[in-house]
PDB file of N, CA and C in Angstrom:
ATOM      1  N   MET A   1     -19.405 -12.830  17.641  1.00  0.00           N
ATOM      2  CA  MET A   1     -18.191 -13.617  18.091  1.00  0.00           C
ATOM      3  C   MET A   1     -17.006 -13.638  17.230  1.00  0.00           C
ATOM      4  N   ILE A   2     -17.364 -13.944  15.795  1.00  0.00           N
ATOM      5  CA  ILE A   2     -16.329 -13.971  14.886  1.00  0.00           C
ATOM      6  C   ILE A   2     -15.681 -12.704  14.680  1.00  0.00           C
ATOM      7  N   ASN A   3     -16.521 -11.538  14.784  1.00  0.00           N
ATOM      8  CA  ASN A   3     -15.801 -10.167  14.710  1.00  0.00           C
ATOM      9  C   ASN A   3     -14.774  -9.947  15.784  1.00  0.00           C
ATOM     10  N   ARG A   4     -15.157 -10.325  16.933  1.00  0.00           N
ATOM     11  CA  ARG A   4     -14.334 -10.265  18.105  1.00  0.00           C
ATOM     12  C   ARG A   4     -13.083 -11.071  17.885  1.00  0.00           C
ATOM     13  N   LEU A   5     -13.136 -12.288  17.273  1.00  0.00           N
ATOM     14  CA  LEU A   5     -11.975 -13.046  16.989  1.00  0.00           C
ATOM     15  C   LEU A   5     -11.052 -12.361  16.008  1.00  0.00           C
ATOM     16  N   ILE A   6     -11.673 -11.818  14.981  1.00  0.00           N
ATOM     17  CA  ILE A   6     -10.938 -11.201  13.872  1.00  0.00           C
ATOM     18  C   ILE A   6     -10.082  -9.964  14.491  1.00  0.00           C
ATOM     19  N   ILE A   7     -10.944  -9.179  15.315  1.00  0.00           N
ATOM     20  CA  ILE A   7     -10.385  -7.957  15.931  1.00  0.00           C
ATOM     21  C   ILE A   7      -9.306  -8.357  16.942  1.00  0.00           C
ATOM     22  N   SER A   8      -9.437  -9.433  17.607  1.00  0.00           N
ATOM     23  CA  SER A   8      -8.446  -9.696  18.698  1.00  0.00           C
ATOM     24  C   SER A   8      -7.112 -10.322  17.851  1.00  0.00           C
ATOM     25  N   PHE A   9      -7.454 -11.132  16.783  1.00  0.00           N
ATOM     26  CA  PHE A   9      -6.236 -11.419  16.012  1.00  0.00           C
ATOM     27  C   PHE A   9      -5.469 -10.357  15.553  1.00  0.00           C
ATOM     28  N   CYS A  10      -6.221  -9.306  14.798  1.00  0.00           N
ATOM     29  CA  CYS A  10      -5.546  -8.192  14.198  1.00  0.00           C
ATOM     30  C   CYS A  10      -4.757  -7.328  15.198  1.00  0.00           C
ATOM     31  N   PHE A  11      -5.458  -7.328  16.437  1.00  0.00           N
ATOM     32  CA  PHE A  11      -4.841  -6.581  17.467  1.00  0.00           C
ATOM     33  C   PHE A  11      -3.495  -7.079  17.942  1.00  0.00           C
ATOM     34  N   PHE A  12      -3.525  -8.359  18.087  1.00  0.00           N
ATOM     35  CA  PHE A  12      -2.243  -9.098  18.648  1.00  0.00           C
ATOM     36  C   PHE A  12      -1.153  -9.241  17.540  1.00  0.00           C
ATOM     37  N   SER A  13      -1.687  -9.075  16.350  1.00  0.00           N
ATOM     38  CA  SER A  13      -0.807  -9.185  15.257  1.00  0.00           C
ATOM     39  C   SER A  13      -0.227  -7.891  14.609  1.00  0.00           C
ATOM     40  N   LEU A  14      -0.646  -6.685  15.325  1.00  0.00           N
ATOM     41  CA  LEU A  14      -0.081  -5.272  14.991  1.00  0.00           C
ATOM     42  C   LEU A  14       1.359  -5.321  14.387  1.00  0.00           C
ATOM     43  N   PRO A  15       2.232  -5.859  15.288  1.00  0.00           N
ATOM     44  CA  PRO A  15       3.729  -5.821  14.785  1.00  0.00           C
ATOM     45  C   PRO A  15       4.057  -6.630  13.440  1.00  0.00           C
ATOM     46  N   LEU A  16       3.129  -7.609  13.141  1.00  0.00           N
ATOM     47  CA  LEU A  16       3.313  -8.268  11.824  1.00  0.00           C
ATOM     48  C   LEU A  16       2.694  -7.525  10.623  1.00  0.00           C
ATOM     49  N   ILE A  17       1.828  -6.594  10.846  1.00  0.00           N
ATOM     50  CA  ILE A  17       1.275  -5.733   9.814  1.00  0.00           C
ATOM     51  C   ILE A  17       2.362  -5.072   9.140  1.00  0.00           C
ATOM     52  N   ALA A  18       3.489  -4.802   9.798  1.00  0.00           N
ATOM     53  CA  ALA A  18       4.424  -3.942   9.169  1.00  0.00           C
ATOM     54  C   ALA A  18       5.576  -4.565   8.290  1.00  0.00           C
ATOM     55  N   ASN A  19       5.155  -5.853   8.061  1.00  0.00           N
ATOM     56  CA  ASN A  19       6.109  -6.839   7.306  1.00  0.00           C
ATOM     57  C   ASN A  19       7.558  -6.760   7.554  1.00  0.00           C
ATOM     58  N   ALA A  20       7.839  -6.869   8.822  1.00  0.00           N
ATOM     59  CA  ALA A  20       9.205  -7.029   9.257  1.00  0.00           C
ATOM     60  C   ALA A  20      10.210  -5.805   8.759  1.00  0.00           C
ATOM     61  N   THR A  21       9.595  -4.696   8.677  1.00  0.00           N
ATOM     62  CA  THR A  21      10.401  -3.350   8.531  1.00  0.00           C
ATOM     63  C   THR A  21      10.767  -2.746   9.877  1.00  0.00           C
ATOM     64  N   HIS A  22      11.209  -1.652   9.794  1.00  0.00           N
ATOM     65  CA  HIS A  22      11.555  -0.983  11.134  1.00  0.00           C
ATOM     66  C   HIS A  22      10.225  -0.651  11.959  1.00  0.00           C
ATOM     67  N   CYS A  23       9.131  -0.645  11.262  1.00  0.00           N
ATOM     68  CA  CYS A  23       7.865  -0.554  11.968  1.00  0.00           C
ATOM     69  C   CYS A  23       7.348  -1.748  12.796  1.00  0.00           C
ATOM     70  N   ASP A  24       8.167  -2.828  12.581  1.00  0.00           N
ATOM     71  CA  ASP A  24       7.519  -4.121  13.323  1.00  0.00           C
ATOM     72  C   ASP A  24       7.888  -4.022  14.877  1.00  0.00           C
ATOM     73  N   LYS A  25       8.624  -3.235  15.185  1.00  0.00           N
ATOM     74  CA  LYS A  25       9.026  -3.172  16.566  1.00  0.00           C
ATOM     75  C   LYS A  25       8.123  -2.085  17.363  1.00  0.00           C
ATOM     76  N   VAL A  26       7.440  -1.329  16.527  1.00  0.00           N
ATOM     77  CA  VAL A  26       6.383  -0.349  17.161  1.00  0.00           C
ATOM     78  C   VAL A  26       5.107  -0.975  17.702  1.00  0.00           C
ATOM     79  N   LEU A  27       4.873  -0.856  18.968  1.00  0.00           N
ATOM     80  CA  LEU A  27       3.533  -1.409  19.522  1.00  0.00           C
ATOM     81  C   LEU A  27       2.608  -0.363  19.683  1.00  0.00           C
ATOM     82  N   ALA A  28       2.810   0.830  19.986  1.00  0.00           N
ATOM     83  CA  ALA A  28       1.814   1.767  20.074  1.00  0.00           C
ATOM     84  C   ALA A  28       1.177   2.102  18.879  1.00  0.00           C
ATOM     85  N   ASN A  29      -0.121   2.082  18.782  1.00  0.00           N
ATOM     86  CA  ASN A  29      -1.051   2.149  17.587  1.00  0.00           C
ATOM     87  C   ASN A  29      -0.735   3.573  17.017  1.00  0.00           C
ATOM     88  N   ASP A  30      -0.568   4.651  17.583  1.00  0.00           N
ATOM     89  CA  ASP A  30      -0.446   5.969  17.003  1.00  0.00           C
ATOM     90  C   ASP A  30       0.987   6.072  16.382  1.00  0.00           C
ATOM     91  N   LYS A  31       1.836   5.420  17.006  1.00  0.00           N
ATOM     92  CA  LYS A  31       3.407   5.368  16.409  1.00  0.00           C
ATOM     93  C   LYS A  31       3.442   4.613  15.357  1.00  0.00           C
ATOM     94  N   LEU A  32       2.706   3.470  15.323  1.00  0.00           N
ATOM     95  CA  LEU A  32       2.650   2.509  14.173  1.00  0.00           C
ATOM     96  C   LEU A  32       2.092   3.144  12.919  1.00  0.00           C
ATOM     97  N   ILE A  33       1.024   3.951  13.210  1.00  0.00           N
ATOM     98  CA  ILE A  33       0.347   4.639  11.974  1.00  0.00           C
ATOM     99  C   ILE A  33       1.418   5.678  11.485  1.00  0.00           C
ATOM    100  N   VAL A  34       2.024   6.383  12.345  1.00  0.00           N
ATOM    101  CA  VAL A  34       3.081   7.331  11.771  1.00  0.00           C
ATOM    102  C   VAL A  34       4.194   6.598  11.042  1.00  0.00           C
ATOM    103  N   CYS A  35       4.649   5.498  11.652  1.00  0.00           N
ATOM    104  CA  CYS A  35       5.770   4.677  11.053  1.00  0.00           C
ATOM    105  C   CYS A  35       5.457   4.187   9.653  1.00  0.00           C
ATOM    106  N   LEU A  36       4.261   3.621   9.659  1.00  0.00           N
ATOM    107  CA  LEU A  36       3.690   3.158   8.316  1.00  0.00           C
ATOM    108  C   LEU A  36       3.454   4.179   7.315  1.00  0.00           C
ATOM    109  N   GLY A  37       2.909   5.373   7.832  1.00  0.00           N
ATOM    110  CA  GLY A  37       2.831   6.548   7.024  1.00  0.00           C
ATOM    111  C   GLY A  37       4.044   6.998   6.251  1.00  0.00           C
ATOM    112  N   ASP A  38       5.122   6.871   7.160  1.00  0.00           N
ATOM    113  CA  ASP A  38       6.314   7.311   6.524  1.00  0.00           C
ATOM    114  C   ASP A  38       6.755   6.345   5.427  1.00  0.00           C
ATOM    115  N   ASP A  39       6.557   5.015   5.718  1.00  0.00           N
ATOM    116  CA  ASP A  39       6.931   4.019   4.754  1.00  0.00           C
ATOM    117  C   ASP A  39       5.968   4.119   3.530  1.00  0.00           C
ATOM    118  N   TYR A  40       4.776   4.367   3.707  1.00  0.00           N
ATOM    119  CA  TYR A  40       3.998   4.724   2.457  1.00  0.00           C
ATOM    120  C   TYR A  40       4.504   5.909   1.724  1.00  0.00           C
ATOM    121  N   ASN A  41       4.850   6.977   2.353  1.00  0.00           N
ATOM    122  CA  ASN A  41       5.232   8.092   1.632  1.00  0.00           C
ATOM    123  C   ASN A  41       6.654   7.797   0.851  1.00  0.00           C
ATOM    124  N   GLU A  42       7.471   6.943   1.434  1.00  0.00           N
ATOM    125  CA  GLU A  42       8.650   6.702   0.619  1.00  0.00           C
ATOM    126  C   GLU A  42       8.208   5.680  -0.709  1.00  0.00           C
ATOM    127  N   ALA A  43       7.280   4.805  -0.415  1.00  0.00           N
ATOM    128  CA  ALA A  43       6.933   3.940  -1.469  1.00  0.00           C
ATOM    129  C   ALA A  43       6.128   4.649  -2.464  1.00  0.00           C
ATOM    130  N   ASP A  44       5.421   5.632  -2.167  1.00  0.00           N
ATOM    131  CA  ASP A  44       4.725   6.495  -3.193  1.00  0.00           C
ATOM    132  C   ASP A  44       5.797   7.437  -3.927  1.00  0.00           C
ATOM    133  N   LYS A  45       6.762   7.902  -3.318  1.00  0.00           N
ATOM    134  CA  LYS A  45       7.927   8.746  -3.983  1.00  0.00           C
ATOM    135  C   LYS A  45       8.563   7.868  -4.970  1.00  0.00           C
ATOM    136  N   ARG A  46       8.938   6.533  -4.472  1.00  0.00           N
ATOM    137  CA  ARG A  46       9.481   5.690  -5.431  1.00  0.00           C
ATOM    138  C   ARG A  46       8.577   5.426  -6.707  1.00  0.00           C
ATOM    139  N   LEU A  47       7.453   5.199  -6.451  1.00  0.00           N
ATOM    140  CA  LEU A  47       6.441   4.972  -7.613  1.00  0.00           C
ATOM    141  C   LEU A  47       6.487   6.049  -8.569  1.00  0.00           C
ATOM    142  N   ASN A  48       6.399   7.266  -7.992  1.00  0.00           N
ATOM    143  CA  ASN A  48       6.383   8.460  -8.737  1.00  0.00           C
ATOM    144  C   ASN A  48       7.619   8.685  -9.686  1.00  0.00           C
ATOM    145  N   GLU A  49       8.833   8.359  -8.869  1.00  0.00           N
ATOM    146  CA  GLU A  49      10.213   8.385  -9.649  1.00  0.00           C
ATOM    147  C   GLU A  49      10.233   7.501 -10.798  1.00  0.00           C
ATOM    148  N   VAL A  50       9.824   6.190 -10.488  1.00  0.00           N
ATOM    149  CA  VAL A  50       9.901   5.143 -11.563  1.00  0.00           C
ATOM    150  C   VAL A  50       8.930   5.453 -12.708  1.00  0.00           C
ATOM    151  N   TYR A  51       7.745   5.891 -12.299  1.00  0.00           N
ATOM    152  CA  TYR A  51       6.826   6.260 -13.394  1.00  0.00           C
ATOM    153  C   TYR A  51       7.373   7.349 -14.309  1.00  0.00           C
ATOM    154  N   LYS A  52       7.906   8.403 -13.717  1.00  0.00           N
ATOM    155  CA  LYS A  52       8.407   9.536 -14.512  1.00  0.00           C
ATOM    156  C   LYS A  52       9.595   9.060 -15.292  1.00  0.00           C
ATOM    157  N   SER A  53      10.399   8.275 -14.820  1.00  0.00           N
ATOM    158  CA  SER A  53      11.654   7.839 -15.529  1.00  0.00           C
ATOM    159  C   SER A  53      11.351   6.836 -16.637  1.00  0.00           C
ATOM    160  N   LEU A  54      10.260   5.961 -16.380  1.00  0.00           N
ATOM    161  CA  LEU A  54       9.817   5.032 -17.395  1.00  0.00           C
ATOM    162  C   LEU A  54       9.292   5.897 -18.679  1.00  0.00           C
ATOM    163  N   ARG A  55       8.440   6.982 -18.346  1.00  0.00           N
ATOM    164  CA  ARG A  55       7.862   7.700 -19.371  1.00  0.00           C
ATOM    165  C   ARG A  55       8.857   8.430 -20.204  1.00  0.00           C
ATOM    166  N   THR A  56      10.042   8.643 -19.764  1.00  0.00           N
ATOM    167  CA  THR A  56      11.019   9.393 -20.692  1.00  0.00           C
ATOM    168  C   THR A  56      11.737   8.384 -21.682  1.00  0.00           C
ATOM    169  N   LYS A  57      11.600   7.064 -21.358  1.00  0.00           N
ATOM    170  CA  LYS A  57      11.956   6.158 -22.119  1.00  0.00           C
ATOM    171  C   LYS A  57      11.005   5.436 -23.271  1.00  0.00           C
ATOM    172  N   LEU A  58       9.826   6.048 -23.244  1.00  0.00           N
ATOM    173  CA  LEU A  58       8.674   5.381 -23.985  1.00  0.00           C
ATOM    174  C   LEU A  58       8.462   6.267 -25.205  1.00  0.00           C
ATOM    175  N   GLY A  59       7.955   5.715 -26.344  1.00  0.00           N
ATOM    176  CA  GLY A  59       7.387   6.407 -27.412  1.00  0.00           C
ATOM    177  C   GLY A  59       6.059   6.852 -27.012  1.00  0.00           C
ATOM    178  N   PRO A  60       5.392   7.735 -27.997  1.00  0.00           N
ATOM    179  CA  PRO A  60       4.112   8.121 -27.738  1.00  0.00           C
ATOM    180  C   PRO A  60       3.072   7.117 -27.429  1.00  0.00           C
ATOM    181  N   GLU A  61       3.052   6.107 -28.252  1.00  0.00           N
ATOM    182  CA  GLU A  61       1.992   4.999 -28.022  1.00  0.00           C
ATOM    183  C   GLU A  61       2.145   4.230 -26.754  1.00  0.00           C
ATOM    184  N   GLU A  62       3.483   4.031 -26.410  1.00  0.00           N
ATOM    185  CA  GLU A  62       3.556   3.296 -25.099  1.00  0.00           C
ATOM    186  C   GLU A  62       3.408   4.306 -23.831  1.00  0.00           C
ATOM    187  N   LYS A  63       3.677   5.555 -23.982  1.00  0.00           N
ATOM    188  CA  LYS A  63       3.355   6.478 -22.936  1.00  0.00           C
ATOM    189  C   LYS A  63       1.789   6.493 -22.811  1.00  0.00           C
ATOM    190  N   GLN A  64       1.035   6.481 -23.832  1.00  0.00           N
ATOM    191  CA  GLN A  64      -0.453   6.490 -23.699  1.00  0.00           C
ATOM    192  C   GLN A  64      -0.890   5.192 -23.058  1.00  0.00           C
ATOM    193  N   SER A  65      -0.255   3.983 -23.427  1.00  0.00           N
ATOM    194  CA  SER A  65      -0.692   2.808 -22.831  1.00  0.00           C
ATOM    195  C   SER A  65      -0.277   2.758 -21.323  1.00  0.00           C
ATOM    196  N   LEU A  66       0.791   3.356 -21.015  1.00  0.00           N
ATOM    197  CA  LEU A  66       1.280   3.490 -19.558  1.00  0.00           C
ATOM    198  C   LEU A  66       0.275   4.353 -18.818  1.00  0.00           C
ATOM    199  N   LYS A  67      -0.001   5.411 -19.476  1.00  0.00           N
ATOM    200  CA  LYS A  67      -0.994   6.393 -18.733  1.00  0.00           C
ATOM    201  C   LYS A  67      -2.446   5.615 -18.399  1.00  0.00           C
ATOM    202  N   HIS A  68      -2.863   4.985 -19.405  1.00  0.00           N
ATOM    203  CA  HIS A  68      -4.182   4.250 -19.242  1.00  0.00           C
ATOM    204  C   HIS A  68      -4.148   3.379 -18.224  1.00  0.00           C
ATOM    205  N   SER A  69      -2.948   2.448 -18.236  1.00  0.00           N
ATOM    206  CA  SER A  69      -2.680   1.465 -17.310  1.00  0.00           C
ATOM    207  C   SER A  69      -2.615   1.957 -15.747  1.00  0.00           C
ATOM    208  N   GLN A  70      -1.808   3.122 -15.858  1.00  0.00           N
ATOM    209  CA  GLN A  70      -1.738   3.765 -14.296  1.00  0.00           C
ATOM    210  C   GLN A  70      -3.034   4.259 -13.822  1.00  0.00           C
ATOM    211  N   ARG A  71      -3.833   4.851 -14.731  1.00  0.00           N
ATOM    212  CA  ARG A  71      -5.198   5.334 -14.251  1.00  0.00           C
ATOM    213  C   ARG A  71      -6.022   4.112 -13.868  1.00  0.00           C
ATOM    214  N   ALA A  72      -6.095   3.015 -14.641  1.00  0.00           N
ATOM    215  CA  ALA A  72      -6.800   1.837 -14.208  1.00  0.00           C
ATOM    216  C   ALA A  72      -6.295   1.269 -12.814  1.00  0.00           C
ATOM    217  N   TRP A  73      -5.062   1.347 -12.763  1.00  0.00           N
ATOM    218  CA  TRP A  73      -4.356   0.863 -11.473  1.00  0.00           C
ATOM    219  C   TRP A  73      -4.808   1.721 -10.148  1.00  0.00           C
ATOM    220  N   LEU A  74      -4.849   3.037 -10.410  1.00  0.00           N
ATOM    221  CA  LEU A  74      -5.289   3.850  -9.399  1.00  0.00           C
ATOM    222  C   LEU A  74      -6.663   3.663  -8.899  1.00  0.00           C
ATOM    223  N   ASN A  75      -7.583   3.393  -9.887  1.00  0.00           N
ATOM    224  CA  ASN A  75      -8.873   3.096  -9.480  1.00  0.00           C
ATOM    225  C   ASN A  75      -9.058   1.887  -8.873  1.00  0.00           C
ATOM    226  N   LYS A  76      -8.386   0.852  -9.218  1.00  0.00           N
ATOM    227  CA  LYS A  76      -8.449  -0.455  -8.514  1.00  0.00           C
ATOM    228  C   LYS A  76      -7.829  -0.461  -7.020  1.00  0.00           C
ATOM    229  N   ARG A  77      -6.629   0.328  -7.228  1.00  0.00           N
ATOM    230  CA  ARG A  77      -6.076   0.462  -5.805  1.00  0.00           C
ATOM    231  C   ARG A  77      -6.804   0.984  -4.841  1.00  0.00           C
ATOM    232  N   ASP A  78      -7.653   2.042  -5.036  1.00  0.00           N
ATOM    233  CA  ASP A  78      -8.482   2.554  -3.980  1.00  0.00           C
ATOM    234  C   ASP A  78      -9.447   1.645  -3.513  1.00  0.00           C
ATOM    235  N   ASP A  79     -10.075   1.027  -4.445  1.00  0.00           N
ATOM    236  CA  ASP A  79     -11.127  -0.140  -4.116  1.00  0.00           C
ATOM    237  C   ASP A  79     -10.450  -1.197  -3.131  1.00  0.00           C
ATOM    238  N   GLN A  80      -9.127  -1.571  -3.452  1.00  0.00           N
ATOM    239  CA  GLN A  80      -8.543  -2.608  -2.835  1.00  0.00           C
ATOM    240  C   GLN A  80      -8.184  -2.140  -1.315  1.00  0.00           C
ATOM    241  N   TYR A  81      -7.862  -0.921  -1.174  1.00  0.00           N
ATOM    242  CA  TYR A  81      -7.579  -0.403   0.046  1.00  0.00           C
ATOM    243  C   TYR A  81      -8.880  -0.576   1.045  1.00  0.00           C
ATOM    244  N   ASP A  82      -9.864  -0.178   0.521  1.00  0.00           N
ATOM    245  CA  ASP A  82     -11.316  -0.232   1.243  1.00  0.00           C
ATOM    246  C   ASP A  82     -11.480  -1.752   1.622  1.00  0.00           C
ATOM    247  N   ALA A  83     -11.413  -2.543   0.516  1.00  0.00           N
ATOM    248  CA  ALA A  83     -11.696  -3.947   0.732  1.00  0.00           C
ATOM    249  C   ALA A  83     -10.901  -4.610   1.901  1.00  0.00           C
ATOM    250  N   GLU A  84      -9.447  -4.387   1.842  1.00  0.00           N
ATOM    251  CA  GLU A  84      -8.615  -5.041   2.764  1.00  0.00           C
ATOM    252  C   GLU A  84      -8.850  -4.473   4.101  1.00  0.00           C
ATOM    253  N   ALA A  85      -9.162  -3.210   4.365  1.00  0.00           N
ATOM    254  CA  ALA A  85      -9.407  -2.598   5.673  1.00  0.00           C
ATOM    255  C   ALA A  85     -10.782  -2.752   6.292  1.00  0.00           C
ATOM    256  N   ALA A  86     -11.665  -3.005   5.501  1.00  0.00           N
ATOM    257  CA  ALA A  86     -13.278  -3.042   5.861  1.00  0.00           C
ATOM    258  C   ALA A  86     -13.373  -3.964   7.022  1.00  0.00           C
ATOM    259  N   PRO A  87     -12.746  -5.210   7.075  1.00  0.00           N
ATOM    260  CA  PRO A  87     -13.067  -5.995   8.249  1.00  0.00           C
ATOM    261  C   PRO A  87     -12.557  -5.435   9.570  1.00  0.00           C
ATOM    262  N   THR A  88     -11.722  -4.580   9.521  1.00  0.00           N
ATOM    263  CA  THR A  88     -11.307  -3.947  10.806  1.00  0.00           C
ATOM    264  C   THR A  88     -11.872  -2.508  11.028  1.00  0.00           C
ATOM    265  N   ALA A  89     -12.779  -2.045  10.279  1.00  0.00           N
ATOM    266  CA  ALA A  89     -13.457  -0.851  10.375  1.00  0.00           C
ATOM    267  C   ALA A  89     -13.918  -0.533  11.810  1.00  0.00           C
ATOM    268  N   GLY A  90     -13.606   0.632  12.283  1.00  0.00           N
ATOM    269  CA  GLY A  90     -13.929   0.944  13.661  1.00  0.00           C
ATOM    270  C   GLY A  90     -12.989   0.474  14.666  1.00  0.00           C
ATOM    271  N   GLY A  91     -12.153  -0.268  14.320  1.00  0.00           N
ATOM    272  CA  GLY A  91     -11.130  -0.920  15.309  1.00  0.00           C
ATOM    273  C   GLY A  91      -9.783  -0.189  15.373  1.00  0.00           C
ATOM    274  N   GLN A  92      -8.784  -0.527  16.187  1.00  0.00           N
ATOM    275  CA  GLN A  92      -7.587   0.122  16.195  1.00  0.00           C
ATOM    276  C   GLN A  92      -6.807  -0.263  15.093  1.00  0.00           C
ATOM    277  N   VAL A  93      -6.977  -1.413  14.355  1.00  0.00           N
ATOM    278  CA  VAL A  93      -6.015  -1.898  13.500  1.00  0.00           C
ATOM    279  C   VAL A  93      -6.488  -1.296  11.991  1.00  0.00           C
ATOM    280  N   TYR A  94      -7.572  -0.588  11.970  1.00  0.00           N
ATOM    281  CA  TYR A  94      -8.051  -0.239  10.672  1.00  0.00           C
ATOM    282  C   TYR A  94      -7.042   0.583   9.912  1.00  0.00           C
ATOM    283  N   GLN A  95      -6.508   1.807  10.623  1.00  0.00           N
ATOM    284  CA  GLN A  95      -5.559   2.636   9.880  1.00  0.00           C
ATOM    285  C   GLN A  95      -4.275   1.846   9.515  1.00  0.00           C
ATOM    286  N   PRO A  96      -3.667   1.034  10.516  1.00  0.00           N
ATOM    287  CA  PRO A  96      -2.424   0.262   9.986  1.00  0.00           C
ATOM    288  C   PRO A  96      -2.716  -0.667   9.049  1.00  0.00           C
ATOM    289  N   THR A  97      -3.891  -1.368   8.888  1.00  0.00           N
ATOM    290  CA  THR A  97      -4.298  -2.254   7.927  1.00  0.00           C
ATOM    291  C   THR A  97      -4.370  -1.452   6.412  1.00  0.00           C
ATOM    292  N   TYR A  98      -5.029  -0.435   6.566  1.00  0.00           N
ATOM    293  CA  TYR A  98      -5.285   0.371   5.260  1.00  0.00           C
ATOM    294  C   TYR A  98      -3.834   0.990   4.786  1.00  0.00           C
ATOM    295  N   ILE A  99      -3.057   1.418   5.745  1.00  0.00           N
ATOM    296  CA  ILE A  99      -1.707   1.953   5.294  1.00  0.00           C
ATOM    297  C   ILE A  99      -0.848   0.839   4.645  1.00  0.00           C
ATOM    298  N   GLN A 100      -0.856  -0.263   5.410  1.00  0.00           N
ATOM    299  CA  GLN A 100       0.010  -1.418   4.928  1.00  0.00           C
ATOM    300  C   GLN A 100      -0.557  -1.858   3.544  1.00  0.00           C
ATOM    301  N   CYS A 101      -1.703  -1.923   3.263  1.00  0.00           N
ATOM    302  CA  CYS A 101      -2.259  -2.226   1.940  1.00  0.00           C
ATOM    303  C   CYS A 101      -1.672  -1.093   0.997  1.00  0.00           C
ATOM    304  N   GLN A 102      -1.780   0.100   1.331  1.00  0.00           N
ATOM    305  CA  GLN A 102      -1.159   1.104   0.500  1.00  0.00           C
ATOM    306  C   GLN A 102       0.294   0.754   0.124  1.00  0.00           C
ATOM    307  N   ILE A 103       0.975   0.606   1.205  1.00  0.00           N
ATOM    308  CA  ILE A 103       2.401   0.177   0.969  1.00  0.00           C
ATOM    309  C   ILE A 103       2.602  -1.032  -0.072  1.00  0.00           C
ATOM    310  N   ASP A 104       1.945  -2.118   0.387  1.00  0.00           N
ATOM    311  CA  ASP A 104       2.012  -3.351  -0.411  1.00  0.00           C
ATOM    312  C   ASP A 104       1.673  -3.181  -1.886  1.00  0.00           C
ATOM    313  N   MET A 105       0.625  -2.409  -2.150  1.00  0.00           N
ATOM    314  CA  MET A 105       0.095  -2.293  -3.532  1.00  0.00           C
ATOM    315  C   MET A 105       1.104  -1.303  -4.306  1.00  0.00           C
ATOM    316  N   THR A 106       1.624  -0.335  -3.717  1.00  0.00           N
ATOM    317  CA  THR A 106       2.428   0.663  -4.257  1.00  0.00           C
ATOM    318  C   THR A 106       3.836   0.030  -4.629  1.00  0.00           C
ATOM    319  N   ASN A 107       4.408  -0.860  -3.596  1.00  0.00           N
ATOM    320  CA  ASN A 107       5.643  -1.499  -4.076  1.00  0.00           C
ATOM    321  C   ASN A 107       5.364  -2.501  -5.033  1.00  0.00           C
ATOM    322  N   SER A 108       4.293  -3.238  -5.052  1.00  0.00           N
ATOM    323  CA  SER A 108       4.032  -4.059  -6.258  1.00  0.00           C
ATOM    324  C   SER A 108       3.831  -3.394  -7.607  1.00  0.00           C
ATOM    325  N   ARG A 109       3.262  -2.254  -7.605  1.00  0.00           N
ATOM    326  CA  ARG A 109       3.267  -1.393  -8.784  1.00  0.00           C
ATOM    327  C   ARG A 109       4.580  -1.017  -9.227  1.00  0.00           C
ATOM    328  N   VAL A 110       5.377  -0.606  -8.377  1.00  0.00           N
ATOM    329  CA  VAL A 110       6.764  -0.200  -8.638  1.00  0.00           C
ATOM    330  C   VAL A 110       7.615  -1.315  -9.315  1.00  0.00           C
ATOM    331  N   LYS A 111       7.480  -2.646  -8.749  1.00  0.00           N
ATOM    332  CA  LYS A 111       8.003  -3.748  -9.363  1.00  0.00           C
ATOM    333  C   LYS A 111       7.572  -4.057 -10.785  1.00  0.00           C
ATOM    334  N   LEU A 112       6.248  -3.971 -10.880  1.00  0.00           N
ATOM    335  CA  LEU A 112       5.660  -4.019 -12.292  1.00  0.00           C
ATOM    336  C   LEU A 112       6.190  -2.988 -13.349  1.00  0.00           C
ATOM    337  N   LEU A 113       6.276  -1.826 -12.834  1.00  0.00           N
ATOM    338  CA  LEU A 113       6.818  -0.736 -13.843  1.00  0.00           C
ATOM    339  C   LEU A 113       8.159  -1.011 -14.039  1.00  0.00           C
ATOM    340  N   LYS A 114       8.972  -1.329 -13.172  1.00  0.00           N
ATOM    341  CA  LYS A 114      10.379  -1.545 -13.316  1.00  0.00           C
ATOM    342  C   LYS A 114      10.722  -2.751 -14.379  1.00  0.00           C
ATOM    343  N   ALA A 115       9.672  -3.677 -14.301  1.00  0.00           N
ATOM    344  CA  ALA A 115       9.811  -4.923 -15.231  1.00  0.00           C
ATOM    345  C   ALA A 115       9.069  -4.484 -16.615  1.00  0.00           C
ATOM    346  N   ARG A 116       8.452  -3.407 -16.595  1.00  0.00           N
ATOM    347  CA  ARG A 116       7.704  -2.922 -17.865  1.00  0.00           C
ATOM    348  C   ARG A 116       6.611  -3.894 -18.135  1.00  0.00           C
ATOM    349  N   LYS A 117       5.896  -4.365 -16.985  1.00  0.00           N
ATOM    350  CA  LYS A 117       4.840  -5.367 -17.063  1.00  0.00           C
ATOM    351  C   LYS A 117       3.452  -4.629 -16.675  1.00  0.00           C
ATOM    352  N   TRP A 118       3.165  -3.473 -17.358  1.00  0.00           N
ATOM    353  CA  TRP A 118       1.889  -2.780 -16.855  1.00  0.00           C
ATOM    354  C   TRP A 118       0.819  -3.312 -17.805  1.00  0.00           C
TER     355      TRP A 118
END
């Protein structure tokens, strides 16, 4: 019963998953997945740009620290994706939930790197 309530809530809140971006108006699940996938690709591209730019501004010890921090974040990130999406496994909102988690965590990492708080 609780699983049905969670799935129902998630299904009816699909437009909210996109966090008020251009994807929030997409109602078809397959199109939402594509839209969110595009958003994730952009976030990942920004992360890579910020990371590379930051590395050019750091000394050897700071670069090593950043590299270690980034690897730890990558491991944590993958576990978090799974944990966030697990309650929706097997349902229509699994992929949108997973992708939205990717977007959110990647954007958060970009902010931390820009603030040099890794």
